[in-house]
């Protein structure tokens, strides 16, 4: 019967394609994520670290958000001193 053989070939092609897609995703994630950022259990620190885990230059809006966050944090610290 021809159907099972054709199905096997189609399934094999699908598996190869999915492996390629997963590899591409993995490579893209490695390009974007900064692995030097540490994980934290404190909620605020965890959210802050997530913001900085994406490498600069990946997303312009995120870069602007980081600058605003840093300026706001620095201003808050200075006003508390």
C-alpha atoms as a PDB file:
ATOM      1  CA  UNK A   1       0.000   0.000   0.000  1.00  0.00           C
ATOM      2  CA  UNK A   2       1.393   3.373  -1.052  1.00  0.00           C
ATOM      3  CA  UNK A   3      -0.195   5.504   1.646  1.00  0.00           C
ATOM      4  CA  UNK A   4       1.964   4.417   4.603  1.00  0.00           C
ATOM      5  CA  UNK A   5       5.191   4.900   2.606  1.00  0.00           C
ATOM      6  CA  UNK A   6       4.119   8.368   1.493  1.00  0.00           C
ATOM      7  CA  UNK A   7       3.080   9.193   5.019  1.00  0.00           C
ATOM      8  CA  UNK A   8       6.452   8.039   6.357  1.00  0.00           C
ATOM      9  CA  UNK A   9       8.294  10.289   3.914  1.00  0.00           C
ATOM     10  CA  UNK A  10       6.069  13.240   4.804  1.00  0.00           C
ATOM     11  CA  UNK A  11       6.561  12.605   8.512  1.00  0.00           C
ATOM     12  CA  UNK A  12      10.344  12.382   8.072  1.00  0.00           C
ATOM     13  CA  UNK A  13      10.389  15.679   6.160  1.00  0.00           C
ATOM     14  CA  UNK A  14       8.296  17.297   8.887  1.00  0.00           C
ATOM     15  CA  UNK A  15      10.707  16.096  11.591  1.00  0.00           C
ATOM     16  CA  UNK A  16      13.706  17.440   9.677  1.00  0.00           C
ATOM     17  CA  UNK A  17      11.960  20.787   9.155  1.00  0.00           C
ATOM     18  CA  UNK A  18      11.003  21.068  12.827  1.00  0.00           C
ATOM     19  CA  UNK A  19      14.570  20.291  13.876  1.00  0.00           C
ATOM     20  CA  UNK A  20      15.768  23.086  11.584  1.00  0.00           C
ATOM     21  CA  UNK A  21      13.198  25.514  13.028  1.00  0.00           C
ATOM     22  CA  UNK A  22      14.143  24.647  16.608  1.00  0.00           C
ATOM     23  CA  UNK A  23      17.826  25.131  15.806  1.00  0.00           C
ATOM     24  CA  UNK A  24      17.075  28.520  14.228  1.00  0.00           C
ATOM     25  CA  UNK A  25      15.067  29.580  17.312  1.00  0.00           C
ATOM     26  CA  UNK A  26      17.865  28.463  19.587  1.00  0.00           C
ATOM     27  CA  UNK A  27      20.452  30.446  17.635  1.00  0.00           C
ATOM     28  CA  UNK A  28      18.243  33.561  17.623  1.00  0.00           C
ATOM     29  CA  UNK A  29      17.659  33.311  21.369  1.00  0.00           C
ATOM     30  CA  UNK A  30      21.406  33.022  21.952  1.00  0.00           C
ATOM     31  CA  UNK A  31      21.889  36.190  19.855  1.00  0.00           C
ATOM     32  CA  UNK A  32      19.327  38.147  21.859  1.00  0.00           C
ATOM     33  CA  UNK A  33      19.601  36.952  25.476  1.00  0.00           C
ATOM     34  CA  UNK A  34      22.416  38.226  27.660  1.00  0.00           C
ATOM     35  CA  UNK A  35      23.411  35.191  29.721  1.00  0.00           C
ATOM     36  CA  UNK A  36      25.418  37.288  32.196  1.00  0.00           C
ATOM     37  CA  UNK A  37      22.217  38.669  33.744  1.00  0.00           C
ATOM     38  CA  UNK A  38      21.568  36.984  37.071  1.00  0.00           C
ATOM     39  CA  UNK A  39      18.264  35.562  38.236  1.00  0.00           C
ATOM     40  CA  UNK A  40      16.680  36.922  41.409  1.00  0.00           C
ATOM     41  CA  UNK A  41      13.893  35.675  43.658  1.00  0.00           C
ATOM     42  CA  UNK A  42      12.871  39.194  44.684  1.00  0.00           C
ATOM     43  CA  UNK A  43       9.964  40.282  42.479  1.00  0.00           C
ATOM     44  CA  UNK A  44      11.264  43.789  41.659  1.00  0.00           C
ATOM     45  CA  UNK A  45      14.799  42.578  40.990  1.00  0.00           C
ATOM     46  CA  UNK A  46      13.495  39.736  38.845  1.00  0.00           C
ATOM     47  CA  UNK A  47      11.486  42.133  36.670  1.00  0.00           C
ATOM     48  CA  UNK A  48      14.456  44.479  36.438  1.00  0.00           C
ATOM     49  CA  UNK A  49      16.761  41.656  35.401  1.00  0.00           C
ATOM     50  CA  UNK A  50      14.261  40.535  32.736  1.00  0.00           C
ATOM     51  CA  UNK A  51      14.391  44.042  31.260  1.00  0.00           C
ATOM     52  CA  UNK A  52      18.167  43.869  31.004  1.00  0.00           C
ATOM     53  CA  UNK A  53      18.356  40.233  29.816  1.00  0.00           C
ATOM     54  CA  UNK A  54      17.706  41.284  26.205  1.00  0.00           C
ATOM     55  CA  UNK A  55      20.908  42.540  24.618  1.00  0.00           C
ATOM     56  CA  UNK A  56      21.034  46.275  23.795  1.00  0.00           C
ATOM     57  CA  UNK A  57      20.289  47.092  20.168  1.00  0.00           C
ATOM     58  CA  UNK A  58      17.779  44.256  19.753  1.00  0.00           C
ATOM     59  CA  UNK A  59      14.698  46.407  20.316  1.00  0.00           C
ATOM     60  CA  UNK A  60      14.831  50.204  20.162  1.00  0.00           C
ATOM     61  CA  UNK A  61      11.780  50.688  22.392  1.00  0.00           C
ATOM     62  CA  UNK A  62      13.276  48.417  25.034  1.00  0.00           C
ATOM     63  CA  UNK A  63      16.504  50.430  24.894  1.00  0.00           C
ATOM     64  CA  UNK A  64      14.525  53.629  25.503  1.00  0.00           C
ATOM     65  CA  UNK A  65      12.625  51.971  28.359  1.00  0.00           C
ATOM     66  CA  UNK A  66      15.927  50.947  29.948  1.00  0.00           C
ATOM     67  CA  UNK A  67      17.247  54.500  29.746  1.00  0.00           C
ATOM     68  CA  UNK A  68      14.082  55.886  31.337  1.00  0.00           C
ATOM     69  CA  UNK A  69      14.158  53.199  34.027  1.00  0.00           C
ATOM     70  CA  UNK A  70      17.803  53.927  34.872  1.00  0.00           C
ATOM     71  CA  UNK A  71      17.233  57.688  34.954  1.00  0.00           C
ATOM     72  CA  UNK A  72      14.142  57.292  37.139  1.00  0.00           C
ATOM     73  CA  UNK A  73      15.903  54.867  39.500  1.00  0.00           C
ATOM     74  CA  UNK A  74      18.910  57.152  39.798  1.00  0.00           C
ATOM     75  CA  UNK A  75      16.675  60.175  40.423  1.00  0.00           C
ATOM     76  CA  UNK A  76      14.771  58.280  43.113  1.00  0.00           C
ATOM     77  CA  UNK A  77      17.975  57.210  44.830  1.00  0.00           C
ATOM     78  CA  UNK A  78      19.354  60.765  44.766  1.00  0.00           C
ATOM     79  CA  UNK A  79      16.133  62.206  46.209  1.00  0.00           C
ATOM     80  CA  UNK A  80      16.214  59.682  49.078  1.00  0.00           C
ATOM     81  CA  UNK A  81      19.750  60.656  50.108  1.00  0.00           C
END
